[in-house]
Amino acid sequence: MEKVCAKALKKWGLKAQETILTEEIGELLQAVSKYRRSNGAELSRENLAEEIADVRIMLTQMEIGHNIEKSVEDWIKYKIKMLEKRMED
């Protein structure tokens, strides 16, 4: 996935892909809302999966474009530890 994301950044540029990310996040919000209203209907479920995939791809491009892959990974590890800690309390 990283190779394709890097190619997309090279072709369209970081600024354009940041704009696309905001659009994809909006589509994900809409998909979550529709999924909740549909009580988990299969069509809404598939749309939700599709939009999550789109956002993940765009987030990967953001990590690459801003050269923050390591930092994001460190934050994820930290946040997961914090989540575990909250569940223990």
PDB file of N, CA and C in Angstrom:
ATOM      1  N   MET A   1       0.826  -1.197   0.000  1.00  0.00           N
ATOM      2  CA  MET A   1       0.000   0.000   0.000  1.00  0.00           C
ATOM      3  C   MET A   1       0.870   1.261   0.000  1.00  0.00           C
ATOM      4  N   GLU A   2       1.978   1.232   0.739  1.00  0.00           N
ATOM      5  CA  GLU A   2       2.811   2.422   0.863  1.00  0.00           C
ATOM      6  C   GLU A   2       3.373   2.888  -0.476  1.00  0.00           C
ATOM      7  N   LYS A   3       3.764   1.926  -1.322  1.00  0.00           N
ATOM      8  CA  LYS A   3       4.322   2.298  -2.630  1.00  0.00           C
ATOM      9  C   LYS A   3       3.288   3.030  -3.484  1.00  0.00           C
ATOM     10  N   VAL A   4       2.079   2.511  -3.505  1.00  0.00           N
ATOM     11  CA  VAL A   4       1.010   3.132  -4.295  1.00  0.00           C
ATOM     12  C   VAL A   4       0.670   4.505  -3.721  1.00  0.00           C
ATOM     13  N   CYS A   5       0.622   4.613  -2.402  1.00  0.00           N
ATOM     14  CA  CYS A   5       0.321   5.903  -1.764  1.00  0.00           C
ATOM     15  C   CYS A   5       1.398   6.935  -2.088  1.00  0.00           C
ATOM     16  N   ALA A   6       2.659   6.513  -2.068  1.00  0.00           N
ATOM     17  CA  ALA A   6       3.756   7.425  -2.408  1.00  0.00           C
ATOM     18  C   ALA A   6       3.645   7.885  -3.864  1.00  0.00           C
ATOM     19  N   LYS A   7       3.268   6.974  -4.757  1.00  0.00           N
ATOM     20  CA  LYS A   7       3.082   7.332  -6.166  1.00  0.00           C
ATOM     21  C   LYS A   7       1.945   8.336  -6.328  1.00  0.00           C
ATOM     22  N   ALA A   8       0.858   8.117  -5.593  1.00  0.00           N
ATOM     23  CA  ALA A   8      -0.281   9.040  -5.664  1.00  0.00           C
ATOM     24  C   ALA A   8       0.134  10.433  -5.204  1.00  0.00           C
ATOM     25  N   LEU A   9       0.918  10.500  -4.139  1.00  0.00           N
ATOM     26  CA  LEU A   9       1.404  11.795  -3.650  1.00  0.00           C
ATOM     27  C   LEU A   9       2.271  12.485  -4.695  1.00  0.00           C
ATOM     28  N   LYS A  10       3.126  11.709  -5.333  1.00  0.00           N
ATOM     29  CA  LYS A  10       4.005  12.275  -6.361  1.00  0.00           C
ATOM     30  C   LYS A  10       3.183  12.797  -7.545  1.00  0.00           C
ATOM     31  N   LYS A  11       2.145  12.066  -7.907  1.00  0.00           N
ATOM     32  CA  LYS A  11       1.331  12.447  -9.063  1.00  0.00           C
ATOM     33  C   LYS A  11       0.454  13.667  -8.778  1.00  0.00           C
ATOM     34  N   TRP A  12      -0.241  13.678  -7.621  1.00  0.00           N
ATOM     35  CA  TRP A  12      -1.224  14.730  -7.367  1.00  0.00           C
ATOM     36  C   TRP A  12      -0.782  15.780  -6.355  1.00  0.00           C
ATOM     37  N   GLY A  13       0.220  15.469  -5.558  1.00  0.00           N
ATOM     38  CA  GLY A  13       0.721  16.432  -4.583  1.00  0.00           C
ATOM     39  C   GLY A  13       0.012  16.332  -3.235  1.00  0.00           C
ATOM     40  N   LEU A  14       0.732  16.740  -2.199  1.00  0.00           N
ATOM     41  CA  LEU A  14       0.229  16.621  -0.833  1.00  0.00           C
ATOM     42  C   LEU A  14      -0.991  17.500  -0.588  1.00  0.00           C
ATOM     43  N   LYS A  15      -0.950  18.724  -1.078  1.00  0.00           N
ATOM     44  CA  LYS A  15      -2.067  19.643  -0.835  1.00  0.00           C
ATOM     45  C   LYS A  15      -3.378  19.090  -1.402  1.00  0.00           C
ATOM     46  N   ALA A  16      -3.323  18.581  -2.619  1.00  0.00           N
ATOM     47  CA  ALA A  16      -4.524  18.006  -3.241  1.00  0.00           C
ATOM     48  C   ALA A  16      -5.010  16.795  -2.454  1.00  0.00           C
ATOM     49  N   GLN A  17      -4.080  15.970  -1.994  1.00  0.00           N
ATOM     50  CA  GLN A  17      -4.471  14.778  -1.255  1.00  0.00           C
ATOM     51  C   GLN A  17      -5.013  15.122   0.133  1.00  0.00           C
ATOM     52  N   GLU A  18      -4.552  16.210   0.715  1.00  0.00           N
ATOM     53  CA  GLU A  18      -5.133  16.670   1.980  1.00  0.00           C
ATOM     54  C   GLU A  18      -6.600  17.052   1.783  1.00  0.00           C
ATOM     55  N   THR A  19      -6.881  17.695   0.665  1.00  0.00           N
ATOM     56  CA  THR A  19      -8.272  18.050   0.357  1.00  0.00           C
ATOM     57  C   THR A  19      -9.117  16.795   0.181  1.00  0.00           C
ATOM     58  N   ILE A  20      -8.578  15.821  -0.528  1.00  0.00           N
ATOM     59  CA  ILE A  20      -9.298  14.559  -0.727  1.00  0.00           C
ATOM     60  C   ILE A  20      -9.541  13.875   0.619  1.00  0.00           C
ATOM     61  N   LEU A  21      -8.557  13.931   1.513  1.00  0.00           N
ATOM     62  CA  LEU A  21      -8.738  13.335   2.841  1.00  0.00           C
ATOM     63  C   LEU A  21      -9.953  13.930   3.541  1.00  0.00           C
ATOM     64  N   THR A  22     -10.090  15.246   3.496  1.00  0.00           N
ATOM     65  CA  THR A  22     -11.238  15.867   4.172  1.00  0.00           C
ATOM     66  C   THR A  22     -12.550  15.395   3.548  1.00  0.00           C
ATOM     67  N   GLU A  23     -12.562  15.218   2.236  1.00  0.00           N
ATOM     68  CA  GLU A  23     -13.762  14.715   1.564  1.00  0.00           C
ATOM     69  C   GLU A  23     -14.059  13.278   1.985  1.00  0.00           C
ATOM     70  N   GLU A  24     -13.017  12.464   2.047  1.00  0.00           N
ATOM     71  CA  GLU A  24     -13.198  11.060   2.430  1.00  0.00           C
ATOM     72  C   GLU A  24     -13.670  10.939   3.882  1.00  0.00           C
ATOM     73  N   ILE A  25     -13.166  11.796   4.755  1.00  0.00           N
ATOM     74  CA  ILE A  25     -13.627  11.780   6.148  1.00  0.00           C
ATOM     75  C   ILE A  25     -15.109  12.133   6.207  1.00  0.00           C
ATOM     76  N   GLY A  26     -15.527  13.095   5.402  1.00  0.00           N
ATOM     77  CA  GLY A  26     -16.948  13.446   5.332  1.00  0.00           C
ATOM     78  C   GLY A  26     -17.793  12.273   4.863  1.00  0.00           C
ATOM     79  N   GLU A  27     -17.299  11.546   3.872  1.00  0.00           N
ATOM     80  CA  GLU A  27     -18.026  10.376   3.377  1.00  0.00           C
ATOM     81  C   GLU A  27     -18.091   9.285   4.441  1.00  0.00           C
ATOM     82  N   LEU A  28     -17.021   9.138   5.223  1.00  0.00           N
ATOM     83  CA  LEU A  28     -17.037   8.157   6.307  1.00  0.00           C
ATOM     84  C   LEU A  28     -18.054   8.544   7.378  1.00  0.00           C
ATOM     85  N   LEU A  29     -18.095   9.812   7.722  1.00  0.00           N
ATOM     86  CA  LEU A  29     -19.094  10.273   8.696  1.00  0.00           C
ATOM     87  C   LEU A  29     -20.506   9.949   8.224  1.00  0.00           C
ATOM     88  N   GLN A  30     -20.753  10.202   6.955  1.00  0.00           N
ATOM     89  CA  GLN A  30     -22.071   9.915   6.389  1.00  0.00           C
ATOM     90  C   GLN A  30     -22.361   8.410   6.412  1.00  0.00           C
ATOM     91  N   ALA A  31     -21.356   7.598   6.095  1.00  0.00           N
ATOM     92  CA  ALA A  31     -21.543   6.142   6.097  1.00  0.00           C
ATOM     93  C   ALA A  31     -21.833   5.625   7.504  1.00  0.00           C
ATOM     94  N   VAL A  32     -21.160   6.180   8.507  1.00  0.00           N
ATOM     95  CA  VAL A  32     -21.417   5.779   9.895  1.00  0.00           C
ATOM     96  C   VAL A  32     -22.852   6.120  10.273  1.00  0.00           C
ATOM     97  N   SER A  33     -23.283   7.308   9.899  1.00  0.00           N
ATOM     98  CA  SER A  33     -24.643   7.741  10.209  1.00  0.00           C
ATOM     99  C   SER A  33     -25.678   6.829   9.548  1.00  0.00           C
ATOM    100  N   LYS A  34     -25.463   6.518   8.265  1.00  0.00           N
ATOM    101  CA  LYS A  34     -26.396   5.637   7.550  1.00  0.00           C
ATOM    102  C   LYS A  34     -26.397   4.235   8.147  1.00  0.00           C
ATOM    103  N   TYR A  35     -25.231   3.756   8.532  1.00  0.00           N
ATOM    104  CA  TYR A  35     -25.129   2.426   9.127  1.00  0.00           C
ATOM    105  C   TYR A  35     -25.917   2.363  10.430  1.00  0.00           C
ATOM    106  N   ARG A  36     -25.780   3.383  11.246  1.00  0.00           N
ATOM    107  CA  ARG A  36     -26.505   3.412  12.522  1.00  0.00           C
ATOM    108  C   ARG A  36     -28.017   3.463  12.295  1.00  0.00           C
ATOM    109  N   ARG A  37     -28.442   4.241  11.313  1.00  0.00           N
ATOM    110  CA  ARG A  37     -29.880   4.349  11.025  1.00  0.00           C
ATOM    111  C   ARG A  37     -30.449   3.070  10.434  1.00  0.00           C
ATOM    112  N   SER A  38     -29.609   2.304   9.736  1.00  0.00           N
ATOM    113  CA  SER A  38     -30.086   1.090   9.061  1.00  0.00           C
ATOM    114  C   SER A  38     -30.061  -0.138   9.961  1.00  0.00           C
ATOM    115  N   ASN A  39     -29.633   0.042  11.193  1.00  0.00           N
ATOM    116  CA  ASN A  39     -29.496  -1.091  12.128  1.00  0.00           C
ATOM    117  C   ASN A  39     -28.586  -2.182  11.582  1.00  0.00           C
ATOM    118  N   GLY A  40     -27.525  -1.768  10.900  1.00  0.00           N
ATOM    119  CA  GLY A  40     -26.528  -2.726  10.427  1.00  0.00           C
ATOM    120  C   GLY A  40     -26.877  -3.458   9.155  1.00  0.00           C
ATOM    121  N   ALA A  41     -27.732  -2.886   8.315  1.00  0.00           N
ATOM    122  CA  ALA A  41     -28.079  -3.525   7.040  1.00  0.00           C
ATOM    123  C   ALA A  41     -26.812  -3.786   6.225  1.00  0.00           C
ATOM    124  N   GLU A  42     -26.802  -4.896   5.494  1.00  0.00           N
ATOM    125  CA  GLU A  42     -25.604  -5.327   4.771  1.00  0.00           C
ATOM    126  C   GLU A  42     -25.074  -4.267   3.805  1.00  0.00           C
ATOM    127  N   LEU A  43     -25.956  -3.609   3.065  1.00  0.00           N
ATOM    128  CA  LEU A  43     -25.522  -2.584   2.120  1.00  0.00           C
ATOM    129  C   LEU A  43     -24.819  -1.442   2.845  1.00  0.00           C
ATOM    130  N   SER A  44     -25.373  -1.009   3.955  1.00  0.00           N
ATOM    131  CA  SER A  44     -24.760   0.056   4.744  1.00  0.00           C
ATOM    132  C   SER A  44     -23.446  -0.412   5.351  1.00  0.00           C
ATOM    133  N   ARG A  45     -23.405  -1.671   5.722  1.00  0.00           N
ATOM    134  CA  ARG A  45     -22.188  -2.249   6.301  1.00  0.00           C
ATOM    135  C   ARG A  45     -21.055  -2.251   5.278  1.00  0.00           C
ATOM    136  N   GLU A  46     -21.352  -2.629   4.053  1.00  0.00           N
ATOM    137  CA  GLU A  46     -20.343  -2.639   2.993  1.00  0.00           C
ATOM    138  C   GLU A  46     -19.877  -1.221   2.660  1.00  0.00           C
ATOM    139  N   ASN A  47     -20.814  -0.278   2.638  1.00  0.00           N
ATOM    140  CA  ASN A  47     -20.455   1.119   2.392  1.00  0.00           C
ATOM    141  C   ASN A  47     -19.542   1.635   3.491  1.00  0.00           C
ATOM    142  N   LEU A  48     -19.822   1.257   4.720  1.00  0.00           N
ATOM    143  CA  LEU A  48     -18.981   1.639   5.852  1.00  0.00           C
ATOM    144  C   LEU A  48     -17.568   1.093   5.668  1.00  0.00           C
ATOM    145  N   ALA A  49     -17.456  -0.163   5.291  1.00  0.00           N
ATOM    146  CA  ALA A  49     -16.145  -0.782   5.055  1.00  0.00           C
ATOM    147  C   ALA A  49     -15.390  -0.061   3.940  1.00  0.00           C
ATOM    148  N   GLU A  50     -16.098   0.279   2.874  1.00  0.00           N
ATOM    149  CA  GLU A  50     -15.476   0.988   1.750  1.00  0.00           C
ATOM    150  C   GLU A  50     -14.931   2.340   2.186  1.00  0.00           C
ATOM    151  N   GLU A  51     -15.715   3.073   2.940  1.00  0.00           N
ATOM    152  CA  GLU A  51     -15.286   4.411   3.363  1.00  0.00           C
ATOM    153  C   GLU A  51     -14.143   4.351   4.378  1.00  0.00           C
ATOM    154  N   ILE A  52     -14.153   3.334   5.238  1.00  0.00           N
ATOM    155  CA  ILE A  52     -13.017   3.150   6.155  1.00  0.00           C
ATOM    156  C   ILE A  52     -11.749   2.887   5.349  1.00  0.00           C
ATOM    157  N   ALA A  53     -11.856   2.062   4.309  1.00  0.00           N
ATOM    158  CA  ALA A  53     -10.705   1.777   3.450  1.00  0.00           C
ATOM    159  C   ALA A  53     -10.183   3.054   2.794  1.00  0.00           C
ATOM    160  N   ASP A  54     -11.088   3.877   2.275  1.00  0.00           N
ATOM    161  CA  ASP A  54     -10.676   5.134   1.644  1.00  0.00           C
ATOM    162  C   ASP A  54      -9.920   6.026   2.626  1.00  0.00           C
ATOM    163  N   VAL A  55     -10.434   6.145   3.841  1.00  0.00           N
ATOM    164  CA  VAL A  55      -9.791   7.010   4.838  1.00  0.00           C
ATOM    165  C   VAL A  55      -8.436   6.439   5.240  1.00  0.00           C
ATOM    166  N   ARG A  56      -8.343   5.129   5.404  1.00  0.00           N
ATOM    167  CA  ARG A  56      -7.041   4.525   5.744  1.00  0.00           C
ATOM    168  C   ARG A  56      -6.000   4.808   4.676  1.00  0.00           C
ATOM    169  N   ILE A  57      -6.401   4.696   3.429  1.00  0.00           N
ATOM    170  CA  ILE A  57      -5.477   4.967   2.322  1.00  0.00           C
ATOM    171  C   ILE A  57      -5.018   6.419   2.361  1.00  0.00           C
ATOM    172  N   MET A  58      -5.956   7.324   2.571  1.00  0.00           N
ATOM    173  CA  MET A  58      -5.600   8.744   2.613  1.00  0.00           C
ATOM    174  C   MET A  58      -4.731   9.062   3.828  1.00  0.00           C
ATOM    175  N   LEU A  59      -5.005   8.430   4.962  1.00  0.00           N
ATOM    176  CA  LEU A  59      -4.174   8.649   6.150  1.00  0.00           C
ATOM    177  C   LEU A  59      -2.752   8.145   5.922  1.00  0.00           C
ATOM    178  N   THR A  60      -2.624   7.041   5.221  1.00  0.00           N
ATOM    179  CA  THR A  60      -1.289   6.542   4.879  1.00  0.00           C
ATOM    180  C   THR A  60      -0.555   7.557   4.014  1.00  0.00           C
ATOM    181  N   GLN A  61      -1.272   8.170   3.076  1.00  0.00           N
ATOM    182  CA  GLN A  61      -0.652   9.206   2.252  1.00  0.00           C
ATOM    183  C   GLN A  61      -0.210  10.398   3.100  1.00  0.00           C
ATOM    184  N   MET A  62      -1.007  10.751   4.098  1.00  0.00           N
ATOM    185  CA  MET A  62      -0.647  11.869   4.975  1.00  0.00           C
ATOM    186  C   MET A  62       0.616  11.549   5.767  1.00  0.00           C
ATOM    187  N   GLU A  63       0.713  10.332   6.269  1.00  0.00           N
ATOM    188  CA  GLU A  63       1.903   9.922   7.015  1.00  0.00           C
ATOM    189  C   GLU A  63       3.147  10.022   6.134  1.00  0.00           C
ATOM    190  N   ILE A  64       3.037   9.523   4.920  1.00  0.00           N
ATOM    191  CA  ILE A  64       4.164   9.552   3.989  1.00  0.00           C
ATOM    192  C   ILE A  64       4.479  10.989   3.586  1.00  0.00           C
ATOM    193  N   GLY A  65       3.455  11.729   3.209  1.00  0.00           N
ATOM    194  CA  GLY A  65       3.647  13.093   2.716  1.00  0.00           C
ATOM    195  C   GLY A  65       4.242  14.038   3.742  1.00  0.00           C
ATOM    196  N   HIS A  66       3.908  13.819   5.005  1.00  0.00           N
ATOM    197  CA  HIS A  66       4.441  14.667   6.078  1.00  0.00           C
ATOM    198  C   HIS A  66       5.645  14.027   6.766  1.00  0.00           C
ATOM    199  N   ASN A  67       6.052  12.854   6.267  1.00  0.00           N
ATOM    200  CA  ASN A  67       7.205  12.126   6.802  1.00  0.00           C
ATOM    201  C   ASN A  67       7.066  11.901   8.313  1.00  0.00           C
ATOM    202  N   ILE A  68       5.904  11.376   8.713  1.00  0.00           N
ATOM    203  CA  ILE A  68       5.629  11.180  10.137  1.00  0.00           C
ATOM    204  C   ILE A  68       5.236   9.737  10.460  1.00  0.00           C
ATOM    205  N   GLU A  69       5.617   8.810   9.612  1.00  0.00           N
ATOM    206  CA  GLU A  69       5.230   7.419   9.834  1.00  0.00           C
ATOM    207  C   GLU A  69       5.669   6.922  11.208  1.00  0.00           C
ATOM    208  N   LYS A  70       6.921   7.172  11.571  1.00  0.00           N
ATOM    209  CA  LYS A  70       7.450   6.718  12.868  1.00  0.00           C
ATOM    210  C   LYS A  70       6.726   7.403  14.013  1.00  0.00           C
ATOM    211  N   SER A  71       6.513   8.685  13.892  1.00  0.00           N
ATOM    212  CA  SER A  71       5.820   9.432  14.937  1.00  0.00           C
ATOM    213  C   SER A  71       4.398   8.908  15.135  1.00  0.00           C
ATOM    214  N   VAL A  72       3.695   8.654  14.046  1.00  0.00           N
ATOM    215  CA  VAL A  72       2.331   8.123  14.140  1.00  0.00           C
ATOM    216  C   VAL A  72       2.349   6.758  14.821  1.00  0.00           C
ATOM    217  N   GLU A  73       3.300   5.916  14.441  1.00  0.00           N
ATOM    218  CA  GLU A  73       3.403   4.590  15.062  1.00  0.00           C
ATOM    219  C   GLU A  73       3.665   4.714  16.563  1.00  0.00           C
ATOM    220  N   ASP A  74       4.533   5.633  16.945  1.00  0.00           N
ATOM    221  CA  ASP A  74       4.804   5.865  18.373  1.00  0.00           C
ATOM    222  C   ASP A  74       3.544   6.333  19.101  1.00  0.00           C
ATOM    223  N   TRP A  75       2.801   7.243  18.482  1.00  0.00           N
ATOM    224  CA  TRP A  75       1.561   7.727  19.096  1.00  0.00           C
ATOM    225  C   TRP A  75       0.528   6.618  19.228  1.00  0.00           C
ATOM    226  N   ILE A  76       0.446   5.768  18.227  1.00  0.00           N
ATOM    227  CA  ILE A  76      -0.500   4.653  18.293  1.00  0.00           C
ATOM    228  C   ILE A  76      -0.153   3.742  19.471  1.00  0.00           C
ATOM    229  N   LYS A  77       1.120   3.409  19.611  1.00  0.00           N
ATOM    230  CA  LYS A  77       1.540   2.565  20.736  1.00  0.00           C
ATOM    231  C   LYS A  77       1.173   3.218  22.066  1.00  0.00           C
ATOM    232  N   TYR A  78       1.448   4.500  22.188  1.00  0.00           N
ATOM    233  CA  TYR A  78       1.132   5.229  23.419  1.00  0.00           C
ATOM    234  C   TYR A  78      -0.375   5.237  23.684  1.00  0.00           C
ATOM    235  N   LYS A  79      -1.146   5.545  22.667  1.00  0.00           N
ATOM    236  CA  LYS A  79      -2.603   5.633  22.823  1.00  0.00           C
ATOM    237  C   LYS A  79      -3.211   4.270  23.176  1.00  0.00           C
ATOM    238  N   ILE A  80      -2.678   3.202  22.596  1.00  0.00           N
ATOM    239  CA  ILE A  80      -3.161   1.858  22.917  1.00  0.00           C
ATOM    240  C   ILE A  80      -2.866   1.529  24.380  1.00  0.00           C
ATOM    241  N   LYS A  81      -1.677   1.890  24.840  1.00  0.00           N
ATOM    242  CA  LYS A  81      -1.348   1.667  26.255  1.00  0.00           C
ATOM    243  C   LYS A  81      -2.299   2.439  27.160  1.00  0.00           C
ATOM    244  N   MET A  82      -2.617   3.657  26.789  1.00  0.00           N
ATOM    245  CA  MET A  82      -3.541   4.468  27.582  1.00  0.00           C
ATOM    246  C   MET A  82      -4.938   3.848  27.587  1.00  0.00           C
ATOM    247  N   LEU A  83      -5.359   3.329  26.453  1.00  0.00           N
ATOM    248  CA  LEU A  83      -6.661   2.667  26.358  1.00  0.00           C
ATOM    249  C   LEU A  83      -6.704   1.435  27.266  1.00  0.00           C
ATOM    250  N   GLU A  84      -5.640   0.644  27.215  1.00  0.00           N
ATOM    251  CA  GLU A  84      -5.559  -0.536  28.084  1.00  0.00           C
ATOM    252  C   GLU A  84      -5.645  -0.132  29.553  1.00  0.00           C
ATOM    253  N   LYS A  85      -4.934   0.923  29.891  1.00  0.00           N
ATOM    254  CA  LYS A  85      -4.922   1.404  31.273  1.00  0.00           C
ATOM    255  C   LYS A  85      -6.322   1.835  31.715  1.00  0.00           C
ATOM    256  N   ARG A  86      -7.034   2.543  30.849  1.00  0.00           N
ATOM    257  CA  ARG A  86      -8.394   2.978  31.177  1.00  0.00           C
ATOM    258  C   ARG A  86      -9.339   1.799  31.381  1.00  0.00           C
ATOM    259  N   MET A  87      -9.133   0.743  30.631  1.00  0.00           N
ATOM    260  CA  MET A  87      -9.997  -0.430  30.764  1.00  0.00           C
ATOM    261  C   MET A  87      -9.726  -1.184  32.059  1.00  0.00           C
ATOM    262  N   GLU A  88      -8.528  -1.060  32.598  1.00  0.00           N
ATOM    263  CA  GLU A  88      -8.173  -1.722  33.858  1.00  0.00           C
ATOM    264  C   GLU A  88      -8.793  -1.023  35.055  1.00  0.00           C
ATOM    265  N   ASP A  89      -9.034   0.255  34.946  1.00  0.00           N
ATOM    266  CA  ASP A  89      -9.557   1.033  36.081  1.00  0.00           C
ATOM    267  C   ASP A  89     -10.999   0.722  36.383  1.00  0.00           C
TER     268      ASP A  89
END
